[in-house]
Amino acid sequence: MTSLRRNLRLYLVTDPQLCGSVGVVETVRQAVAGGVSMVQLRDKTATTAERVSLARALGEVLSGSGVPLVINDDVEAAILADMDGAHIGQDDMTPAQARARLGPDKILGLSCETEQSVTAADPSIVDYLGLGPVFGTETKTDHKAPIGFDGLAHLVALSSMPNVAIGGLKAPHQSRVQHSGADGLAVVSAICGQPDITAAARAFSTNES
């Protein structure tokens, strides 16, 4: 569990539109060079087969790096591509269903936006929680109202499980996230589509307290 907490420190969520002509694979390669410690493949419009193909390409990039790759909202793709695991939301299959499909050894993350969802998360089933949104974000428009750093600290305090802050976070927010007690932060536009992807990722370490 300690190693998972370390991996959650800087968690990149991919966005194919933001990655633009650079592409998801090259974005991830450069982001990991800058310090990204975990990657979530998120592509809402792709088919399972397309996610599997992209995940395998990302797996080659990440091979030997110690950086886990999870797939958002597609447990079947995670299984078929034999990636490190999956991340699901409250409106997807239940965590118990996801765990049954993934087996005991894969990583399973769960998005939680409320007190009730945090306290209901079963640590024997789920490995880590995504907490937020801290701020509103254009990369995910169906989220609940932003909770801010005080709300983040409150959700963190409700569970001893590893967790990552989500929602509109940038490099200058790094120390505030740390002070909340969260293990790390998940970012999209702060890295994807930036002119210098490696430098954008590296900027987070310079803002650590």
C-alpha atoms as a PDB file:
ATOM      1  CA  MET A   1       0.000   0.000   0.000  1.00  0.00           C
ATOM      2  CA  THR A   2       2.930   2.299   0.682  1.00  0.00           C
ATOM      3  CA  SER A   3       4.153   1.873  -2.881  1.00  0.00           C
ATOM      4  CA  LEU A   4       0.689   2.717  -4.217  1.00  0.00           C
ATOM      5  CA  ARG A   5       0.645   5.916  -2.163  1.00  0.00           C
ATOM      6  CA  ARG A   6       3.954   6.855  -3.796  1.00  0.00           C
ATOM      7  CA  ASN A   7       2.556   6.113  -7.247  1.00  0.00           C
ATOM      8  CA  LEU A   8      -0.412   8.399  -6.601  1.00  0.00           C
ATOM      9  CA  ARG A   9       1.881  11.407  -6.018  1.00  0.00           C
ATOM     10  CA  LEU A  10       1.519  12.731  -9.592  1.00  0.00           C
ATOM     11  CA  TYR A  11      -1.243  10.954 -11.471  1.00  0.00           C
ATOM     12  CA  LEU A  12      -1.769  11.799 -15.146  1.00  0.00           C
ATOM     13  CA  VAL A  13      -5.195  11.333 -16.727  1.00  0.00           C
ATOM     14  CA  THR A  14      -4.901  11.320 -20.506  1.00  0.00           C
ATOM     15  CA  ASP A  15      -7.128  13.294 -22.843  1.00  0.00           C
ATOM     16  CA  PRO A  16      -6.746  12.552 -26.570  1.00  0.00           C
ATOM     17  CA  GLN A  17      -8.145  15.935 -27.612  1.00  0.00           C
ATOM     18  CA  LEU A  18      -5.799  17.909 -25.382  1.00  0.00           C
ATOM     19  CA  CYS A  19      -2.835  15.773 -26.390  1.00  0.00           C
ATOM     20  CA  GLY A  20      -3.501  16.868 -29.973  1.00  0.00           C
ATOM     21  CA  SER A  21      -0.865  16.166 -32.607  1.00  0.00           C
ATOM     22  CA  VAL A  22       1.657  15.017 -30.001  1.00  0.00           C
ATOM     23  CA  GLY A  23      -0.584  12.071 -29.232  1.00  0.00           C
ATOM     24  CA  VAL A  24      -1.318  10.211 -26.017  1.00  0.00           C
ATOM     25  CA  VAL A  25       1.650   7.832 -26.206  1.00  0.00           C
ATOM     26  CA  GLU A  26       4.275  10.546 -26.699  1.00  0.00           C
ATOM     27  CA  THR A  27       2.596  12.754 -24.100  1.00  0.00           C
ATOM     28  CA  VAL A  28       2.860   9.958 -21.557  1.00  0.00           C
ATOM     29  CA  ARG A  29       6.472   9.259 -22.486  1.00  0.00           C
ATOM     30  CA  GLN A  30       7.457  12.888 -21.928  1.00  0.00           C
ATOM     31  CA  ALA A  31       5.301  13.249 -18.801  1.00  0.00           C
ATOM     32  CA  VAL A  32       6.907  10.243 -17.122  1.00  0.00           C
ATOM     33  CA  ALA A  33      10.317  11.730 -17.908  1.00  0.00           C
ATOM     34  CA  GLY A  34       9.141  14.766 -15.924  1.00  0.00           C
ATOM     35  CA  GLY A  35       8.057  12.774 -12.894  1.00  0.00           C
ATOM     36  CA  VAL A  36       4.531  11.453 -13.499  1.00  0.00           C
ATOM     37  CA  SER A  37       4.190   8.430 -11.233  1.00  0.00           C
ATOM     38  CA  MET A  38       0.884   6.890 -12.388  1.00  0.00           C
ATOM     39  CA  VAL A  39      -1.175   7.063 -15.585  1.00  0.00           C
ATOM     40  CA  GLN A  40      -4.884   6.651 -16.235  1.00  0.00           C
ATOM     41  CA  LEU A  41      -5.943   6.048 -19.814  1.00  0.00           C
ATOM     42  CA  ARG A  42      -9.189   7.966 -20.248  1.00  0.00           C
ATOM     43  CA  ASP A  43     -10.883   8.181 -23.624  1.00  0.00           C
ATOM     44  CA  LYS A  44     -14.659   8.454 -23.375  1.00  0.00           C
ATOM     45  CA  THR A  45     -15.297   8.060 -27.108  1.00  0.00           C
ATOM     46  CA  ALA A  46     -13.037   5.083 -27.849  1.00  0.00           C
ATOM     47  CA  THR A  47     -14.228   1.509 -28.190  1.00  0.00           C
ATOM     48  CA  THR A  48     -12.931  -1.213 -25.906  1.00  0.00           C
ATOM     49  CA  ALA A  49     -10.775  -2.518 -28.780  1.00  0.00           C
ATOM     50  CA  GLU A  50      -9.308   0.948 -29.315  1.00  0.00           C
ATOM     51  CA  ARG A  51      -8.554   1.313 -25.611  1.00  0.00           C
ATOM     52  CA  VAL A  52      -6.859  -2.077 -25.592  1.00  0.00           C
ATOM     53  CA  SER A  53      -4.659  -1.089 -28.544  1.00  0.00           C
ATOM     54  CA  LEU A  54      -3.687   2.234 -26.958  1.00  0.00           C
ATOM     55  CA  ALA A  55      -3.119   0.632 -23.558  1.00  0.00           C
ATOM     56  CA  ARG A  56      -0.717  -1.877 -25.076  1.00  0.00           C
ATOM     57  CA  ALA A  57       1.220   0.933 -26.754  1.00  0.00           C
ATOM     58  CA  LEU A  58       1.359   2.800 -23.444  1.00  0.00           C
ATOM     59  CA  GLY A  59       2.425  -0.385 -21.699  1.00  0.00           C
ATOM     60  CA  GLU A  60       5.487  -0.532 -23.950  1.00  0.00           C
ATOM     61  CA  VAL A  61       6.354   3.072 -23.086  1.00  0.00           C
ATOM     62  CA  LEU A  62       5.931   2.419 -19.363  1.00  0.00           C
ATOM     63  CA  SER A  63       7.710  -0.939 -19.297  1.00  0.00           C
ATOM     64  CA  GLY A  64      10.390  -0.953 -16.613  1.00  0.00           C
ATOM     65  CA  SER A  65       9.442   2.503 -15.318  1.00  0.00           C
ATOM     66  CA  GLY A  66       7.498   1.347 -12.265  1.00  0.00           C
ATOM     67  CA  VAL A  67       4.633   3.631 -13.356  1.00  0.00           C
ATOM     68  CA  PRO A  68       1.279   1.788 -13.216  1.00  0.00           C
ATOM     69  CA  LEU A  69      -1.335   2.166 -15.962  1.00  0.00           C
ATOM     70  CA  VAL A  70      -5.048   1.927 -15.193  1.00  0.00           C
ATOM     71  CA  ILE A  71      -7.932   2.267 -17.635  1.00  0.00           C
ATOM     72  CA  ASN A  72     -10.901   4.505 -16.908  1.00  0.00           C
ATOM     73  CA  ASP A  73     -14.417   3.058 -16.955  1.00  0.00           C
ATOM     74  CA  ASP A  74     -13.488  -0.033 -18.992  1.00  0.00           C
ATOM     75  CA  VAL A  75     -12.673  -3.063 -16.887  1.00  0.00           C
ATOM     76  CA  GLU A  76     -12.809  -5.329 -19.925  1.00  0.00           C
ATOM     77  CA  ALA A  77     -10.110  -3.285 -21.683  1.00  0.00           C
ATOM     78  CA  ALA A  78      -7.917  -3.502 -18.597  1.00  0.00           C
ATOM     79  CA  ILE A  79      -8.332  -7.273 -18.578  1.00  0.00           C
ATOM     80  CA  LEU A  80      -7.787  -7.761 -22.312  1.00  0.00           C
ATOM     81  CA  ALA A  81      -4.734  -5.497 -22.402  1.00  0.00           C
ATOM     82  CA  ASP A  82      -3.428  -7.026 -19.139  1.00  0.00           C
ATOM     83  CA  MET A  83      -2.741  -3.611 -17.661  1.00  0.00           C
ATOM     84  CA  ASP A  84      -2.231  -2.802 -13.978  1.00  0.00           C
ATOM     85  CA  GLY A  85      -5.903  -2.155 -13.305  1.00  0.00           C
ATOM     86  CA  ALA A  86      -8.952   0.050 -13.780  1.00  0.00           C
ATOM     87  CA  HIS A  87     -10.585   3.145 -12.350  1.00  0.00           C
ATOM     88  CA  ILE A  88     -14.353   3.390 -12.079  1.00  0.00           C
ATOM     89  CA  GLY A  89     -16.913   5.995 -11.061  1.00  0.00           C
ATOM     90  CA  GLN A  90     -20.032   5.812  -8.952  1.00  0.00           C
ATOM     91  CA  ASP A  91     -22.267   5.255 -11.992  1.00  0.00           C
ATOM     92  CA  ASP A  92     -20.269   2.402 -13.542  1.00  0.00           C
ATOM     93  CA  MET A  93     -20.370  -1.235 -12.458  1.00  0.00           C
ATOM     94  CA  THR A  94     -20.113  -1.682  -8.706  1.00  0.00           C
ATOM     95  CA  PRO A  95     -16.674  -2.043  -7.123  1.00  0.00           C
ATOM     96  CA  ALA A  96     -17.538  -5.627  -6.180  1.00  0.00           C
ATOM     97  CA  GLN A  97     -18.401  -6.417  -9.800  1.00  0.00           C
ATOM     98  CA  ALA A  98     -15.209  -4.771 -11.020  1.00  0.00           C
ATOM     99  CA  ARG A  99     -13.089  -6.666  -8.500  1.00  0.00           C
ATOM    100  CA  ALA A 100     -14.708  -9.941  -9.468  1.00  0.00           C
ATOM    101  CA  ARG A 101     -13.798  -9.310 -13.113  1.00  0.00           C
ATOM    102  CA  LEU A 102     -10.296  -7.974 -12.429  1.00  0.00           C
ATOM    103  CA  GLY A 103      -9.268 -10.576  -9.881  1.00  0.00           C
ATOM    104  CA  PRO A 104      -7.414  -9.928  -6.624  1.00  0.00           C
ATOM    105  CA  ASP A 105      -4.097  -8.691  -7.979  1.00  0.00           C
ATOM    106  CA  LYS A 106      -5.091  -5.736 -10.158  1.00  0.00           C
ATOM    107  CA  ILE A 107      -5.392  -2.120  -8.982  1.00  0.00           C
ATOM    108  CA  LEU A 108      -8.934  -0.793  -8.617  1.00  0.00           C
ATOM    109  CA  GLY A 109      -9.582   2.916  -8.127  1.00  0.00           C
ATOM    110  CA  LEU A 110     -12.929   4.536  -7.333  1.00  0.00           C
ATOM    111  CA  SER A 111     -14.039   8.165  -7.769  1.00  0.00           C
ATOM    112  CA  CYS A 112     -15.772   9.594  -4.688  1.00  0.00           C
ATOM    113  CA  GLU A 113     -17.447  13.005  -4.535  1.00  0.00           C
ATOM    114  CA  THR A 114     -19.385  12.766  -1.268  1.00  0.00           C
ATOM    115  CA  GLU A 115     -18.964  11.712   2.366  1.00  0.00           C
ATOM    116  CA  GLN A 116     -21.301   8.791   1.782  1.00  0.00           C
ATOM    117  CA  SER A 117     -19.333   7.420  -1.158  1.00  0.00           C
ATOM    118  CA  VAL A 118     -16.040   7.686   0.744  1.00  0.00           C
ATOM    119  CA  THR A 119     -17.301   5.918   3.860  1.00  0.00           C
ATOM    120  CA  ALA A 120     -19.032   3.259   1.747  1.00  0.00           C
ATOM    121  CA  ALA A 121     -15.830   2.356  -0.112  1.00  0.00           C
ATOM    122  CA  ASP A 122     -14.631  -1.070   0.993  1.00  0.00           C
ATOM    123  CA  PRO A 123     -10.832  -1.290   1.380  1.00  0.00           C
ATOM    124  CA  SER A 124     -10.996  -5.036   0.862  1.00  0.00           C
ATOM    125  CA  ILE A 125     -12.299  -4.343  -2.664  1.00  0.00           C
ATOM    126  CA  VAL A 126     -10.981  -0.912  -3.693  1.00  0.00           C
ATOM    127  CA  ASP A 127      -7.287   0.047  -3.619  1.00  0.00           C
ATOM    128  CA  TYR A 128      -7.496   3.837  -3.800  1.00  0.00           C
ATOM    129  CA  LEU A 129      -9.988   6.691  -3.996  1.00  0.00           C
ATOM    130  CA  GLY A 130     -10.137   9.668  -6.348  1.00  0.00           C
ATOM    131  CA  LEU A 131     -11.458  12.560  -4.228  1.00  0.00           C
ATOM    132  CA  GLY A 132     -13.059  15.727  -5.582  1.00  0.00           C
ATOM    133  CA  PRO A 133     -13.580  17.663  -7.655  1.00  0.00           C
ATOM    134  CA  VAL A 134     -11.465  20.218  -5.842  1.00  0.00           C
ATOM    135  CA  PHE A 135     -12.194  22.712  -8.639  1.00  0.00           C
ATOM    136  CA  GLY A 136     -14.455  22.665 -11.670  1.00  0.00           C
ATOM    137  CA  THR A 137     -12.845  21.387 -14.845  1.00  0.00           C
ATOM    138  CA  GLU A 138     -13.721  21.485 -18.527  1.00  0.00           C
ATOM    139  CA  THR A 139     -12.274  18.014 -19.077  1.00  0.00           C
ATOM    140  CA  LYS A 140     -15.131  16.462 -17.065  1.00  0.00           C
ATOM    141  CA  THR A 141     -18.390  18.367 -17.125  1.00  0.00           C
ATOM    142  CA  ASP A 142     -20.640  15.897 -15.273  1.00  0.00           C
ATOM    143  CA  HIS A 143     -19.015  16.288 -11.873  1.00  0.00           C
ATOM    144  CA  LYS A 144     -20.644  17.516  -8.684  1.00  0.00           C
ATOM    145  CA  ALA A 145     -20.014  20.975  -7.190  1.00  0.00           C
ATOM    146  CA  PRO A 146     -16.335  21.681  -6.398  1.00  0.00           C
ATOM    147  CA  ILE A 147     -15.370  20.993  -2.785  1.00  0.00           C
ATOM    148  CA  GLY A 148     -12.215  23.131  -2.470  1.00  0.00           C
ATOM    149  CA  PHE A 149      -9.240  22.253  -0.284  1.00  0.00           C
ATOM    150  CA  ASP A 150     -11.271  22.256   2.937  1.00  0.00           C
ATOM    151  CA  GLY A 151     -13.683  19.754   1.432  1.00  0.00           C
ATOM    152  CA  LEU A 152     -10.761  17.678   0.168  1.00  0.00           C
ATOM    153  CA  ALA A 153      -9.216  17.563   3.654  1.00  0.00           C
ATOM    154  CA  HIS A 154     -12.589  16.498   5.062  1.00  0.00           C
ATOM    155  CA  LEU A 155     -12.927  13.594   2.601  1.00  0.00           C
ATOM    156  CA  VAL A 156      -9.311  12.538   3.179  1.00  0.00           C
ATOM    157  CA  ALA A 157      -9.965  12.377   6.937  1.00  0.00           C
ATOM    158  CA  LEU A 158     -12.913  10.025   6.456  1.00  0.00           C
ATOM    159  CA  SER A 159     -10.846   7.119   5.129  1.00  0.00           C
ATOM    160  CA  SER A 160      -7.436   5.582   5.707  1.00  0.00           C
ATOM    161  CA  MET A 161      -7.306   4.349   2.115  1.00  0.00           C
ATOM    162  CA  PRO A 162      -4.745   5.706  -0.373  1.00  0.00           C
ATOM    163  CA  ASN A 163      -6.241   8.631  -2.272  1.00  0.00           C
ATOM    164  CA  VAL A 164      -5.623  11.151  -5.015  1.00  0.00           C
ATOM    165  CA  ALA A 165      -7.180  14.621  -5.342  1.00  0.00           C
ATOM    166  CA  ILE A 166      -8.974  15.311  -8.627  1.00  0.00           C
ATOM    167  CA  GLY A 167     -10.493  18.278 -10.423  1.00  0.00           C
ATOM    168  CA  GLY A 168      -8.863  21.307 -12.058  1.00  0.00           C
ATOM    169  CA  LEU A 169      -5.547  21.000 -10.235  1.00  0.00           C
ATOM    170  CA  LYS A 170      -2.334  22.703 -11.405  1.00  0.00           C
ATOM    171  CA  ALA A 171       1.294  22.779 -10.245  1.00  0.00           C
ATOM    172  CA  PRO A 172       0.814  25.710  -7.833  1.00  0.00           C
ATOM    173  CA  HIS A 173      -1.774  23.617  -5.968  1.00  0.00           C
ATOM    174  CA  GLN A 174       0.740  20.876  -5.103  1.00  0.00           C
ATOM    175  CA  SER A 175       1.517  22.069  -1.569  1.00  0.00           C
ATOM    176  CA  ARG A 176      -2.160  22.707  -0.729  1.00  0.00           C
ATOM    177  CA  VAL A 177      -2.979  19.160  -1.801  1.00  0.00           C
ATOM    178  CA  GLN A 178      -0.183  17.834   0.398  1.00  0.00           C
ATOM    179  CA  HIS A 179      -1.406  19.858   3.362  1.00  0.00           C
ATOM    180  CA  SER A 180      -4.886  18.377   2.906  1.00  0.00           C
ATOM    181  CA  GLY A 181      -3.448  14.954   3.635  1.00  0.00           C
ATOM    182  CA  ALA A 182      -4.031  13.577   0.131  1.00  0.00           C
ATOM    183  CA  ASP A 183      -1.372  11.235  -1.227  1.00  0.00           C
ATOM    184  CA  GLY A 184      -1.226  13.017  -4.569  1.00  0.00           C
ATOM    185  CA  LEU A 185      -3.103  14.839  -7.264  1.00  0.00           C
ATOM    186  CA  ALA A 186      -4.541  13.864 -10.627  1.00  0.00           C
ATOM    187  CA  VAL A 187      -4.064  16.257 -13.534  1.00  0.00           C
ATOM    188  CA  VAL A 188      -5.129  16.499 -17.161  1.00  0.00           C
ATOM    189  CA  SER A 189      -4.711  19.896 -18.829  1.00  0.00           C
ATOM    190  CA  ALA A 190      -1.819  20.886 -16.555  1.00  0.00           C
ATOM    191  CA  ILE A 191       0.283  18.405 -18.555  1.00  0.00           C
ATOM    192  CA  CYS A 192      -1.647  17.256 -21.656  1.00  0.00           C
ATOM    193  CA  GLY A 193      -1.269  19.804 -24.448  1.00  0.00           C
ATOM    194  CA  GLN A 194       1.374  21.889 -22.702  1.00  0.00           C
ATOM    195  CA  PRO A 195       4.191  23.280 -24.924  1.00  0.00           C
ATOM    196  CA  ASP A 196       6.848  21.464 -22.876  1.00  0.00           C
ATOM    197  CA  ILE A 197       5.244  18.369 -21.388  1.00  0.00           C
ATOM    198  CA  THR A 198       8.273  17.215 -19.412  1.00  0.00           C
ATOM    199  CA  ALA A 199       8.765  20.658 -17.873  1.00  0.00           C
ATOM    200  CA  ALA A 200       5.049  20.863 -17.055  1.00  0.00           C
ATOM    201  CA  ALA A 201       5.270  17.578 -15.158  1.00  0.00           C
ATOM    202  CA  ARG A 202       8.510  18.575 -13.455  1.00  0.00           C
ATOM    203  CA  ALA A 203       6.888  21.799 -12.208  1.00  0.00           C
ATOM    204  CA  PHE A 204       4.869  19.814  -9.700  1.00  0.00           C
ATOM    205  CA  SER A 205       7.952  18.638  -7.820  1.00  0.00           C
ATOM    206  CA  THR A 206       9.177  22.210  -7.495  1.00  0.00           C
ATOM    207  CA  ASN A 207       5.921  23.117  -5.730  1.00  0.00           C
ATOM    208  CA  GLU A 208       6.124  20.363  -3.132  1.00  0.00           C
ATOM    209  CA  SER A 209       6.293  21.555   0.457  1.00  0.00           C
END
